[in-house]
Protein backbone atom coordinates (compact mmCIF):
# COMPACT_ATOMS: atom_id res chain seq x y z
CA MET A 1 -28.16 28.36 7.37
CA THR A 2 -25.85 29.19 4.43
CA GLY A 3 -22.88 31.51 4.15
CA ARG A 4 -23.06 35.04 2.83
CA GLU A 5 -21.95 33.88 -0.59
CA GLY A 6 -24.53 31.09 -0.69
CA ARG A 7 -22.02 28.39 0.14
CA PRO A 8 -23.11 25.59 2.49
CA THR A 9 -21.69 25.89 5.97
CA ILE A 10 -20.68 23.39 8.63
CA TYR A 11 -24.00 24.17 10.33
CA ASP A 12 -25.87 22.99 7.23
CA VAL A 13 -23.92 19.76 7.25
CA ALA A 14 -24.54 19.19 10.95
CA ARG A 15 -28.27 19.90 10.65
CA LEU A 16 -28.85 17.59 7.67
CA ALA A 17 -26.69 14.82 9.13
CA ARG A 18 -28.35 15.21 12.55
CA VAL A 19 -25.04 15.60 14.40
CA SER A 20 -23.14 18.36 16.19
CA ILE A 21 -20.68 20.62 14.41
CA ALA A 22 -17.96 19.02 16.55
CA THR A 23 -18.81 15.65 14.97
CA VAL A 24 -18.57 17.15 11.48
CA SER A 25 -15.16 18.56 12.40
CA HIS A 26 -14.03 15.16 13.67
CA VAL A 27 -15.18 13.47 10.45
CA LEU A 28 -13.04 15.87 8.43
CA ASN A 29 -9.98 15.94 10.65
CA ARG A 30 -10.04 12.96 13.04
CA PRO A 31 -12.40 10.45 11.39
CA GLU A 32 -11.21 7.52 13.52
CA ARG A 33 -13.02 9.16 16.48
CA VAL A 34 -16.42 8.81 14.81
CA GLY A 35 -18.42 5.60 14.39
CA ALA A 36 -18.57 4.18 10.88
CA ALA A 37 -22.32 4.68 10.37
CA THR A 38 -22.26 8.29 11.59
CA ARG A 39 -19.13 9.03 9.58
CA GLU A 40 -20.71 7.73 6.37
CA ARG A 41 -23.89 9.76 6.99
CA VAL A 42 -21.90 12.96 7.48
CA LEU A 43 -19.74 12.30 4.42
CA ALA A 44 -22.83 11.66 2.30
CA VAL A 45 -24.22 15.07 3.29
CA ILE A 46 -20.84 16.72 2.64
CA ASP A 47 -20.79 15.15 -0.82
CA ASP A 48 -24.37 16.19 -1.59
CA LEU A 49 -23.72 19.80 -0.55
CA GLN A 50 -20.20 19.88 -2.06
CA PHE A 51 -19.19 21.45 1.23
CA VAL A 52 -15.66 22.88 1.53
CA PRO A 53 -14.48 23.96 5.01
CA LYS A 54 -14.08 27.73 5.24
CA GLU A 55 -10.51 27.56 6.51
CA ALA A 56 -9.53 25.34 3.60
CA ALA A 57 -11.14 27.66 1.06
CA VAL A 58 -9.29 30.68 2.43
CA SER A 59 -6.01 28.78 2.60
CA ARG A 60 -6.39 27.49 -0.94
CA ALA A 61 -7.12 30.94 -2.32
CA ARG A 62 -3.96 32.24 -0.68
CA ARG A 63 -1.74 29.30 -1.55
CA GLY A 64 -2.84 28.21 -5.01
CA THR A 65 -1.90 24.77 -6.28
CA GLY A 66 0.87 23.31 -4.20
CA ARG A 67 -0.19 21.15 -1.24
CA ILE A 68 -0.24 17.44 -1.99
CA GLY A 69 -0.90 14.60 0.39
CA VAL A 70 0.81 11.22 0.41
CA LEU A 71 -1.09 8.45 2.18
CA ALA A 72 0.54 5.04 2.71
CA PRO A 73 1.12 2.33 5.36
CA PHE A 74 4.49 3.84 6.26
CA THR A 75 4.78 2.34 9.74
CA SER A 76 3.72 -1.13 8.55
CA TYR A 77 5.99 -1.39 5.51
CA PRO A 78 9.35 0.44 5.38
CA SER A 79 9.38 0.11 1.59
CA TYR A 80 6.88 2.98 1.38
CA LEU A 81 9.45 5.33 2.86
CA GLN A 82 11.58 4.68 -0.22
CA ARG A 83 8.60 5.51 -2.43
CA LEU A 84 8.08 8.69 -0.41
CA ALA A 85 11.71 9.62 -1.00
CA GLY A 86 10.95 9.46 -4.71
CA VAL A 87 8.00 11.81 -4.28
CA LEU A 88 10.20 14.29 -2.40
CA GLU A 89 13.10 14.05 -4.85
CA ASN A 90 13.84 17.22 -6.82
CA ARG A 91 10.48 18.77 -5.98
CA SER A 92 10.08 22.50 -6.39
CA GLY A 93 9.88 24.78 -3.36
CA ARG A 94 6.28 25.67 -4.20
CA THR A 95 5.10 22.13 -3.45
CA GLU A 96 4.21 21.27 0.13
CA VAL A 97 3.95 17.55 0.92
CA VAL A 98 1.75 16.35 3.79
CA VAL A 99 2.23 12.74 4.91
CA PHE A 100 -0.57 10.53 6.27
CA ASP A 101 0.03 7.10 7.76
CA HIS A 102 -2.40 4.28 7.01
CA ASP A 103 -2.92 0.93 8.66
CA SER A 104 -1.50 -2.22 7.11
CA VAL A 105 -2.81 -2.85 3.59
CA ALA A 106 -4.00 -6.25 4.79
CA ALA A 107 -6.58 -4.40 6.90
CA ASP A 108 -9.74 -2.59 5.90
CA PRO A 109 -9.31 0.96 4.56
CA HIS A 110 -8.63 3.61 7.21
CA PRO A 111 -11.47 6.16 7.65
CA LEU A 112 -9.04 8.96 6.83
CA LEU A 113 -9.04 7.84 3.19
CA ALA A 114 -12.76 8.57 2.91
CA SER A 115 -12.51 11.93 4.70
CA LEU A 116 -9.46 13.47 3.03
CA PRO A 117 -11.17 14.39 -0.27
CA ALA A 118 -13.84 16.30 1.64
CA SER A 119 -11.50 18.07 4.04
CA GLY A 120 -10.38 20.68 1.51
CA ARG A 121 -6.85 20.53 2.92
CA LEU A 122 -5.21 19.24 -0.25
CA ASP A 123 -4.79 20.17 -3.89
CA GLY A 124 -3.80 16.64 -4.87
CA LEU A 125 -3.34 13.21 -3.33
CA ILE A 126 -1.01 10.26 -3.88
CA ILE A 127 -2.35 7.01 -2.42
CA MET A 128 0.30 4.34 -2.01
CA GLY A 129 -0.47 0.66 -1.63
CA VAL A 130 -4.02 1.19 -0.38
CA PRO A 131 -6.65 -0.18 -2.77
CA LEU A 132 -9.72 1.87 -3.61
CA ASP A 133 -13.05 0.10 -3.43
CA ARG A 134 -15.95 1.26 -5.59
CA GLU A 135 -17.39 3.61 -2.96
CA LEU A 136 -14.06 5.31 -2.23
CA ALA A 137 -13.31 5.67 -5.94
CA GLU A 138 -16.68 7.29 -6.56
CA ARG A 139 -16.14 9.72 -3.67
CA GLN A 140 -12.74 10.72 -5.04
CA ALA A 141 -14.31 11.34 -8.44
CA ARG A 142 -17.22 13.35 -7.05
CA ARG A 143 -14.99 15.65 -5.03
CA GLY A 144 -12.69 16.21 -8.00
CA LEU A 145 -9.51 15.93 -5.95
CA PRO A 146 -6.69 15.03 -8.38
CA THR A 147 -5.49 11.61 -7.24
CA VAL A 148 -2.74 9.24 -8.39
CA LEU A 149 -2.32 5.67 -7.18
CA VAL A 150 1.07 4.12 -6.46
CA ASP A 151 1.30 0.36 -5.92
CA SER A 152 -2.40 -0.13 -6.67
CA GLU A 153 -4.72 0.34 -9.61
CA HIS A 154 -8.31 1.41 -10.25
CA GLU A 155 -10.15 2.27 -13.43
CA GLY A 156 -10.28 5.99 -14.04
CA PHE A 157 -7.18 6.86 -12.01
CA SER A 158 -3.61 7.29 -13.18
CA SER A 159 -1.34 4.82 -11.47
CA VAL A 160 2.18 3.48 -11.27
CA SER A 161 2.79 -0.03 -10.01
CA VAL A 162 5.56 -2.59 -9.82
CA SER A 163 4.45 -5.90 -11.30
CA ASP A 164 3.78 -8.37 -8.47
CA ASP A 165 2.98 -10.97 -11.11
CA HIS A 166 6.46 -10.64 -12.61
CA GLY A 167 8.06 -10.64 -9.16
CA GLY A 168 6.27 -13.83 -8.14
CA LEU A 169 7.16 -15.52 -11.40
CA VAL A 170 10.90 -14.84 -11.04
CA VAL A 171 10.81 -16.17 -7.46
CA GLY A 172 8.97 -19.34 -8.46
CA ARG A 173 11.21 -20.01 -11.43
CA HIS A 174 14.36 -19.37 -9.42
CA LEU A 175 13.35 -21.81 -6.67
CA ALA A 176 12.13 -24.45 -9.12
CA GLU A 177 15.42 -24.28 -11.03
CA LEU A 178 17.27 -24.85 -7.75
CA GLY A 179 15.28 -28.05 -7.23
CA HIS A 180 12.88 -26.94 -4.51
CA ARG A 181 9.62 -28.86 -4.52
CA HIS A 182 7.97 -27.66 -1.31
CA LEU A 183 7.68 -23.97 -0.48
CA ALA A 184 6.20 -21.92 2.37
CA PHE A 185 4.87 -18.48 1.50
CA LEU A 186 5.05 -16.26 4.58
CA ALA A 187 2.79 -13.21 4.89
CA GLU A 188 0.51 -11.47 7.34
CA GLU A 189 -3.19 -12.26 7.45
CA GLN A 190 -5.35 -10.80 4.71
CA VAL A 191 -8.20 -9.12 6.59
CA SER A 192 -10.17 -7.72 3.65
CA ASN A 193 -11.05 -9.89 0.67
CA ASP A 194 -12.53 -7.01 -1.30
CA TYR A 195 -9.38 -6.71 -3.38
CA LEU A 196 -6.39 -8.70 -4.59
CA SER A 197 -3.40 -7.70 -2.46
CA PRO A 198 0.26 -7.65 -3.60
CA GLY A 199 0.87 -10.75 -1.50
CA GLN A 200 -1.96 -12.62 -3.17
CA ARG A 201 -0.66 -11.65 -6.60
CA ARG A 202 2.83 -12.89 -5.74
CA TRP A 203 1.42 -16.12 -4.30
CA ARG A 204 -0.57 -16.83 -7.46
CA ALA A 205 2.42 -16.04 -9.68
CA VAL A 206 4.64 -18.46 -7.74
CA GLU A 207 1.95 -21.12 -8.13
CA ARG A 208 1.96 -20.47 -11.87
CA ALA A 209 5.75 -20.79 -12.03
CA PHE A 210 5.68 -24.06 -10.10
CA SER A 211 2.90 -25.36 -12.36
CA GLU A 212 4.97 -24.46 -15.43
CA ALA A 213 7.83 -26.46 -13.89
CA GLY A 214 5.57 -29.50 -13.65
CA LEU A 215 5.16 -29.46 -9.89
CA PRO A 216 1.86 -30.72 -8.41
CA GLU A 217 -0.78 -28.60 -6.70
CA GLY A 218 -0.15 -28.13 -3.00
CA ALA A 219 3.59 -27.62 -3.43
CA ILE A 220 3.17 -24.14 -1.90
CA ARG A 221 1.78 -23.70 1.61
CA ARG A 222 0.73 -20.31 2.96
CA VAL A 223 1.72 -19.49 6.53
CA VAL A 224 0.30 -16.45 8.32
CA CYS A 225 2.54 -14.43 10.62
CA GLY A 226 2.81 -11.05 12.32
CA PRO A 227 3.86 -8.16 10.08
CA ASP A 228 7.39 -7.82 11.44
CA PHE A 229 10.70 -9.50 12.32
CA ALA A 230 9.36 -11.05 15.54
CA GLY A 231 6.29 -12.45 13.80
CA ALA A 232 8.44 -14.18 11.20
CA ARG A 233 10.70 -15.71 13.85
CA GLU A 234 7.69 -17.20 15.62
CA ALA A 235 6.22 -18.49 12.35
CA LEU A 236 9.31 -20.53 11.50
CA HIS A 237 8.31 -23.16 14.07
CA GLU A 238 5.01 -23.67 12.25
CA ILE A 239 6.82 -23.88 8.92
CA LEU A 240 9.17 -26.57 10.17
CA GLU A 241 6.22 -28.67 11.37
CA LEU A 242 4.54 -28.77 7.95
CA ASP A 243 4.37 -32.14 6.22
CA PRO A 244 6.10 -32.35 3.84
CA ARG A 245 8.56 -29.90 5.32
CA PRO A 246 9.34 -26.94 3.03
CA THR A 247 12.89 -26.58 1.79
CA ALA A 248 12.41 -22.89 1.01
CA VAL A 249 10.54 -19.88 2.41
CA PHE A 250 9.34 -16.98 0.28
CA ALA A 251 8.66 -14.01 2.57
CA HIS A 252 6.31 -11.20 1.58
CA HIS A 253 8.98 -8.60 2.42
CA ASP A 254 12.61 -8.47 3.52
CA GLU A 255 11.96 -7.90 7.22
CA LEU A 256 10.05 -11.19 7.36
CA ALA A 257 12.86 -12.90 5.45
CA ALA A 258 15.39 -11.53 7.94
CA GLY A 259 13.34 -12.93 10.82
CA VAL A 260 13.27 -16.38 9.22
CA VAL A 261 17.02 -16.38 8.54
CA THR A 262 17.82 -15.33 12.11
CA ALA A 263 15.50 -17.90 13.68
CA ALA A 264 16.74 -20.69 11.39
CA ARG A 265 20.37 -20.07 12.32
CA GLN A 266 19.47 -19.96 16.02
CA LEU A 267 17.91 -23.42 15.60
CA GLY A 268 21.10 -24.71 14.02
CA LEU A 269 19.75 -24.83 10.47
CA ARG A 270 22.04 -23.99 7.60
CA VAL A 271 20.84 -21.32 5.18
CA PRO A 272 20.43 -22.13 2.33
CA GLU A 273 21.48 -25.80 2.60
CA ASP A 274 18.73 -26.80 5.06
CA LEU A 275 16.34 -23.96 4.33
CA ALA A 276 16.50 -21.42 1.52
CA VAL A 277 15.00 -17.99 2.15
CA ILE A 278 13.99 -15.30 -0.31
CA GLY A 279 12.57 -11.87 0.49
CA TYR A 280 11.00 -9.00 -1.40
CA ASP A 281 11.69 -5.27 -1.84
CA GLY A 282 15.50 -4.87 -1.80
CA GLY A 283 17.32 -2.20 0.14
CA VAL A 284 19.66 -1.76 3.10
CA LEU A 285 18.39 -4.76 5.07
CA ALA A 286 18.72 -7.11 2.11
CA ASP A 287 22.22 -5.81 1.40
CA ALA A 288 23.32 -6.17 5.03
CA LEU A 289 22.17 -9.78 5.28
CA GLN A 290 22.98 -10.64 1.67
CA LEU A 291 19.43 -11.84 1.21
CA THR A 292 18.21 -13.22 -2.05
CA THR A 293 15.37 -10.84 -2.79
CA VAL A 294 13.25 -9.23 -5.46
CA VAL A 295 14.35 -5.64 -5.89
CA GLN A 296 11.52 -3.22 -6.59
CA PRO A 297 12.19 0.18 -8.21
CA LEU A 298 10.55 1.80 -5.21
CA ARG A 299 12.08 5.26 -5.44
CA GLU A 300 11.35 5.39 -9.16
CA SER A 301 7.67 4.59 -8.53
CA GLY A 302 7.47 7.59 -6.20
CA VAL A 303 9.13 9.86 -8.77
CA VAL A 304 6.71 8.73 -11.48
CA GLY A 305 3.72 9.06 -9.15
CA ARG A 306 4.59 12.67 -8.33
CA ARG A 307 5.12 13.45 -12.01
CA LEU A 308 1.69 12.05 -12.90
CA LEU A 309 0.03 14.07 -10.14
CA MET A 310 1.76 17.33 -11.05
CA ALA A 311 0.69 16.83 -14.67
CA ARG A 312 -2.88 16.39 -13.46
CA LEU A 313 -2.63 19.58 -11.37
CA ASP A 314 -1.38 21.39 -14.46
CA GLY A 315 -4.55 20.41 -16.34
CA ASP A 316 -3.60 17.14 -18.05
CA THR A 317 -6.72 14.93 -17.99
CA THR A 318 -5.01 11.89 -19.52
CA THR A 319 -5.26 8.71 -17.45
CA GLN A 320 -2.09 6.61 -17.50
CA GLN A 321 -1.34 3.19 -16.03
CA ILE A 322 2.41 2.66 -15.78
CA MET A 323 3.85 -0.73 -14.83
CA LEU A 324 7.47 -1.13 -13.69
CA GLU A 325 9.26 -4.47 -13.41
CA PRO A 326 11.24 -5.76 -10.41
CA ARG A 327 14.36 -7.90 -10.71
CA LEU A 328 15.80 -10.83 -8.79
CA MET A 329 18.96 -10.17 -6.77
CA ARG A 330 20.74 -13.38 -5.85
CA GLY A 331 22.27 -13.40 -2.36
CA VAL A 332 23.62 -16.12 -0.08
CA THR A 333 20.24 -17.29 1.21
CA THR A 334 19.22 -19.42 -1.83
């Protein structure tokens, strides 16, 4: 069955994918409710037919360009709220912003990322901190949904990132100059190895800085923890049992650094005399605790990301990769 204007309908999708129309609706709107194999089969049919939901087509005709989505791991990493603030800054009243939360970037991609381009709900999409694999990138390109990446990169997409390589280098050089020879790098577990995460980039950059300082391999030990304050507090016990014992901890973000500082002081350790701690991101928490941290231009990255997307919506087909640099802010913890 096809629509009166020859457009494929949800019934066509359901028939070819051998599922109910309710399943097709779930794939487009609540993809986490559908098994991975079924979801991929439905999406493949949607792509082949170039199906656009009727409600979305009507809404788009009425609205015109103006609804953009922002997808990021907001509840896992507070830093993405600062990036979102940049997206919302000084936007015109004609632009509606819809926010989608994603699982931690250490996890596999959320099914919503695959379904959003096909849902027809958006005129453009900003993806923050969530890497695109080859299949997702190809789907984005096939559907023609204007997309900009923030805090990740992929060939063929405009992007704005903050250099994790530079951030890791300034951390490594700072700690080496202070005389530290044994370091623990604290981060949550990397579930997917299909991409190089920000944490992995920072880790490798610190290793490079230590190597440049003449320190031997193995001077940096990676310790896995939960993604929050409590996880970092628990991980400190493991760090203190390492041999040789680290004299400094580099935490993947400031909340983890705050957890380490709190736990260290509760154990009677002096910070930084007994254990130096450095975080990453910058912001209110770092200011409150006077953390040494790497300050990212988070809000600026959101502003630039929105500007790139609006240019794309206005017909600019240029692909730009913009790289911003973070800076070290010295506090009382190193």
